[in-house]
Amino acid sequence: MVVNVYSQYFAAEGTFSGVPRHAALVMLISDSEAGTITYRAAVTFFPHNAPDDFAVSYDAYFEQQLYSAPGRRSRKRESALLATLRDVIDSLSAAQGASVDWSQPLGEARE
């Protein structure tokens, strides 16, 4: 079962497929299958050309596996992974020539 442990929209900058992107959706995703729990950090950049434009396009989606082992979800593990999420997302973004502006959230976090 796939669960978004955390997700939040932020202002961002990048260009993908020739289209400027002005926002990003940042996520910590948990996936539990056959007794194994996996956590991934993910970011997707989208145009956000108007204040109410949250039409996420997945042609600029990037993720990194953070943890995978037998077991179940753990709040303690999730807290530790959330503490490193910004650094991981910054690294993923920089590798694509993009950036997330953490000081400009575009809504409340969903946890």
C-alpha atoms as a PDB file:
ATOM      1  CA  MET A   1       0.000   0.000   0.000  1.00  0.00           C
ATOM      2  CA  VAL A   2       1.381   3.386  -1.038  1.00  0.00           C
ATOM      3  CA  VAL A   3       0.962   6.292   1.397  1.00  0.00           C
ATOM      4  CA  ASN A   4       2.058   9.915   1.105  1.00  0.00           C
ATOM      5  CA  VAL A   5       3.599  10.394   4.556  1.00  0.00           C
ATOM      6  CA  TYR A   6       4.216  14.060   3.784  1.00  0.00           C
ATOM      7  CA  SER A   7       3.475  16.363   0.869  1.00  0.00           C
ATOM      8  CA  GLN A   8       3.649  20.104   0.398  1.00  0.00           C
ATOM      9  CA  TYR A   9       3.722  22.599  -2.459  1.00  0.00           C
ATOM     10  CA  PHE A  10       6.519  25.167  -2.676  1.00  0.00           C
ATOM     11  CA  ALA A  11       7.601  27.884  -5.062  1.00  0.00           C
ATOM     12  CA  ALA A  12      10.365  26.555  -7.292  1.00  0.00           C
ATOM     13  CA  GLU A  13      12.347  27.285 -10.426  1.00  0.00           C
ATOM     14  CA  GLY A  14      13.342  25.052 -13.289  1.00  0.00           C
ATOM     15  CA  THR A  15      12.687  24.389 -16.959  1.00  0.00           C
ATOM     16  CA  PHE A  16      11.686  20.970 -18.246  1.00  0.00           C
ATOM     17  CA  SER A  17      10.603  20.015 -21.752  1.00  0.00           C
ATOM     18  CA  GLY A  18      11.082  23.668 -22.665  1.00  0.00           C
ATOM     19  CA  VAL A  19       8.433  24.767 -20.155  1.00  0.00           C
ATOM     20  CA  PRO A  20       9.349  27.025 -17.198  1.00  0.00           C
ATOM     21  CA  ARG A  21       8.242  25.578 -13.844  1.00  0.00           C
ATOM     22  CA  HIS A  22       7.423  27.857 -10.932  1.00  0.00           C
ATOM     23  CA  ALA A  23       6.325  25.356  -8.277  1.00  0.00           C
ATOM     24  CA  ALA A  24       7.120  21.918  -6.906  1.00  0.00           C
ATOM     25  CA  LEU A  25       5.286  19.232  -4.998  1.00  0.00           C
ATOM     26  CA  VAL A  26       7.621  17.668  -2.430  1.00  0.00           C
ATOM     27  CA  MET A  27       6.727  14.236  -1.003  1.00  0.00           C
ATOM     28  CA  LEU A  28       7.864  11.516   1.362  1.00  0.00           C
ATOM     29  CA  ILE A  29       6.248   8.307   0.126  1.00  0.00           C
ATOM     30  CA  SER A  30       5.895   5.029   1.990  1.00  0.00           C
ATOM     31  CA  ASP A  31       5.249   1.748   0.189  1.00  0.00           C
ATOM     32  CA  SER A  32       4.503  -1.465   2.033  1.00  0.00           C
ATOM     33  CA  GLU A  33       4.444  -4.718   0.099  1.00  0.00           C
ATOM     34  CA  ALA A  34       4.968  -8.333   1.136  1.00  0.00           C
ATOM     35  CA  GLY A  35       6.304  -7.362   4.566  1.00  0.00           C
ATOM     36  CA  THR A  36       8.825  -4.855   3.232  1.00  0.00           C
ATOM     37  CA  ILE A  37       8.585  -1.117   3.882  1.00  0.00           C
ATOM     38  CA  THR A  38      10.160   1.327   1.451  1.00  0.00           C
ATOM     39  CA  TYR A  39      10.438   5.102   1.761  1.00  0.00           C
ATOM     40  CA  ARG A  40      11.153   7.426  -1.158  1.00  0.00           C
ATOM     41  CA  ALA A  41      11.717  11.173  -1.393  1.00  0.00           C
ATOM     42  CA  ALA A  42      10.095  12.666  -4.488  1.00  0.00           C
ATOM     43  CA  VAL A  43       9.695  16.039  -6.154  1.00  0.00           C
ATOM     44  CA  THR A  44       7.749  17.058  -9.224  1.00  0.00           C
ATOM     45  CA  PHE A  45       8.035  20.476 -10.828  1.00  0.00           C
ATOM     46  CA  PHE A  46       5.006  22.055 -12.527  1.00  0.00           C
ATOM     47  CA  PRO A  47       4.169  25.362 -14.290  1.00  0.00           C
ATOM     48  CA  HIS A  48       1.984  27.085 -11.619  1.00  0.00           C
ATOM     49  CA  ASN A  49       1.208  30.028 -13.921  1.00  0.00           C
ATOM     50  CA  ALA A  50      -1.591  31.364 -11.699  1.00  0.00           C
ATOM     51  CA  PRO A  51      -2.161  31.370  -7.912  1.00  0.00           C
ATOM     52  CA  ASP A  52      -4.807  28.636  -8.234  1.00  0.00           C
ATOM     53  CA  ASP A  53      -2.924  26.559 -10.851  1.00  0.00           C
ATOM     54  CA  PHE A  54      -1.882  23.314  -9.185  1.00  0.00           C
ATOM     55  CA  ALA A  55      -2.088  21.124 -12.299  1.00  0.00           C
ATOM     56  CA  VAL A  56       0.856  18.849 -11.570  1.00  0.00           C
ATOM     57  CA  SER A  57       2.661  17.508 -14.621  1.00  0.00           C
ATOM     58  CA  TYR A  58       4.719  14.387 -14.115  1.00  0.00           C
ATOM     59  CA  ASP A  59       7.269  14.921 -16.897  1.00  0.00           C
ATOM     60  CA  ALA A  60       9.552  16.545 -14.299  1.00  0.00           C
ATOM     61  CA  TYR A  61       9.263  13.920 -11.529  1.00  0.00           C
ATOM     62  CA  PHE A  62      12.345  12.771  -9.637  1.00  0.00           C
ATOM     63  CA  GLU A  63      12.702  10.415  -6.688  1.00  0.00           C
ATOM     64  CA  GLN A  64      15.275   8.709  -4.527  1.00  0.00           C
ATOM     65  CA  GLN A  65      14.846   5.642  -2.352  1.00  0.00           C
ATOM     66  CA  LEU A  66      15.743   6.443   1.245  1.00  0.00           C
ATOM     67  CA  TYR A  67      15.029   3.186   3.063  1.00  0.00           C
ATOM     68  CA  SER A  68      13.928  -0.378   2.316  1.00  0.00           C
ATOM     69  CA  ALA A  69      13.814  -3.284   4.763  1.00  0.00           C
ATOM     70  CA  PRO A  70      11.467  -5.888   6.200  1.00  0.00           C
ATOM     71  CA  GLY A  71       9.064  -4.357   8.685  1.00  0.00           C
ATOM     72  CA  ARG A  72       6.277  -1.817   9.061  1.00  0.00           C
ATOM     73  CA  ARG A  73       5.857   1.929   9.092  1.00  0.00           C
ATOM     74  CA  SER A  74       7.489   3.645  12.042  1.00  0.00           C
ATOM     75  CA  ARG A  75       6.812   7.189  13.261  1.00  0.00           C
ATOM     76  CA  LYS A  76      10.362   7.387  14.602  1.00  0.00           C
ATOM     77  CA  ARG A  77      11.831   6.388  11.221  1.00  0.00           C
ATOM     78  CA  GLU A  78       9.495   8.766   9.399  1.00  0.00           C
ATOM     79  CA  SER A  79      10.571  11.646  11.649  1.00  0.00           C
ATOM     80  CA  ALA A  80      14.221  10.879  10.918  1.00  0.00           C
ATOM     81  CA  LEU A  81      13.563  10.729   7.178  1.00  0.00           C
ATOM     82  CA  LEU A  82      11.586  13.987   7.264  1.00  0.00           C
ATOM     83  CA  ALA A  83      14.571  15.635   8.965  1.00  0.00           C
ATOM     84  CA  THR A  84      16.715  14.814   5.898  1.00  0.00           C
ATOM     85  CA  LEU A  85      14.048  15.423   3.248  1.00  0.00           C
ATOM     86  CA  ARG A  86      15.085  18.984   2.333  1.00  0.00           C
ATOM     87  CA  ASP A  87      18.689  17.976   1.730  1.00  0.00           C
ATOM     88  CA  VAL A  88      17.643  15.032  -0.434  1.00  0.00           C
ATOM     89  CA  ILE A  89      15.200  17.159  -2.451  1.00  0.00           C
ATOM     90  CA  ASP A  90      17.823  19.897  -2.860  1.00  0.00           C
ATOM     91  CA  SER A  91      20.256  17.307  -4.230  1.00  0.00           C
ATOM     92  CA  LEU A  92      17.670  15.798  -6.608  1.00  0.00           C
ATOM     93  CA  SER A  93      16.657  19.268  -7.792  1.00  0.00           C
ATOM     94  CA  ALA A  94      20.203  20.540  -8.288  1.00  0.00           C
ATOM     95  CA  ALA A  95      21.029  17.478 -10.396  1.00  0.00           C
ATOM     96  CA  GLN A  96      18.235  18.600 -12.752  1.00  0.00           C
ATOM     97  CA  GLY A  97      19.199  22.285 -12.773  1.00  0.00           C
ATOM     98  CA  ALA A  98      16.185  23.245 -10.644  1.00  0.00           C
ATOM     99  CA  SER A  99      15.545  24.458  -7.106  1.00  0.00           C
ATOM    100  CA  VAL A 100      12.824  24.497  -4.463  1.00  0.00           C
ATOM    101  CA  ASP A 101      12.269  27.715  -2.506  1.00  0.00           C
ATOM    102  CA  TRP A 102      11.626  26.348   0.991  1.00  0.00           C
ATOM    103  CA  SER A 103      10.849  29.846   2.288  1.00  0.00           C
ATOM    104  CA  GLN A 104       7.770  30.084   0.041  1.00  0.00           C
ATOM    105  CA  PRO A 105       5.283  27.298   0.788  1.00  0.00           C
ATOM    106  CA  LEU A 106       2.193  27.415  -1.439  1.00  0.00           C
ATOM    107  CA  GLY A 107      -0.047  25.737   1.128  1.00  0.00           C
ATOM    108  CA  GLU A 108      -0.035  23.773   4.320  1.00  0.00           C
ATOM    109  CA  ALA A 109       1.852  20.494   4.676  1.00  0.00           C
ATOM    110  CA  ARG A 110      -0.190  17.314   4.505  1.00  0.00           C
ATOM    111  CA  GLU A 111       1.025  14.654   6.895  1.00  0.00           C
END
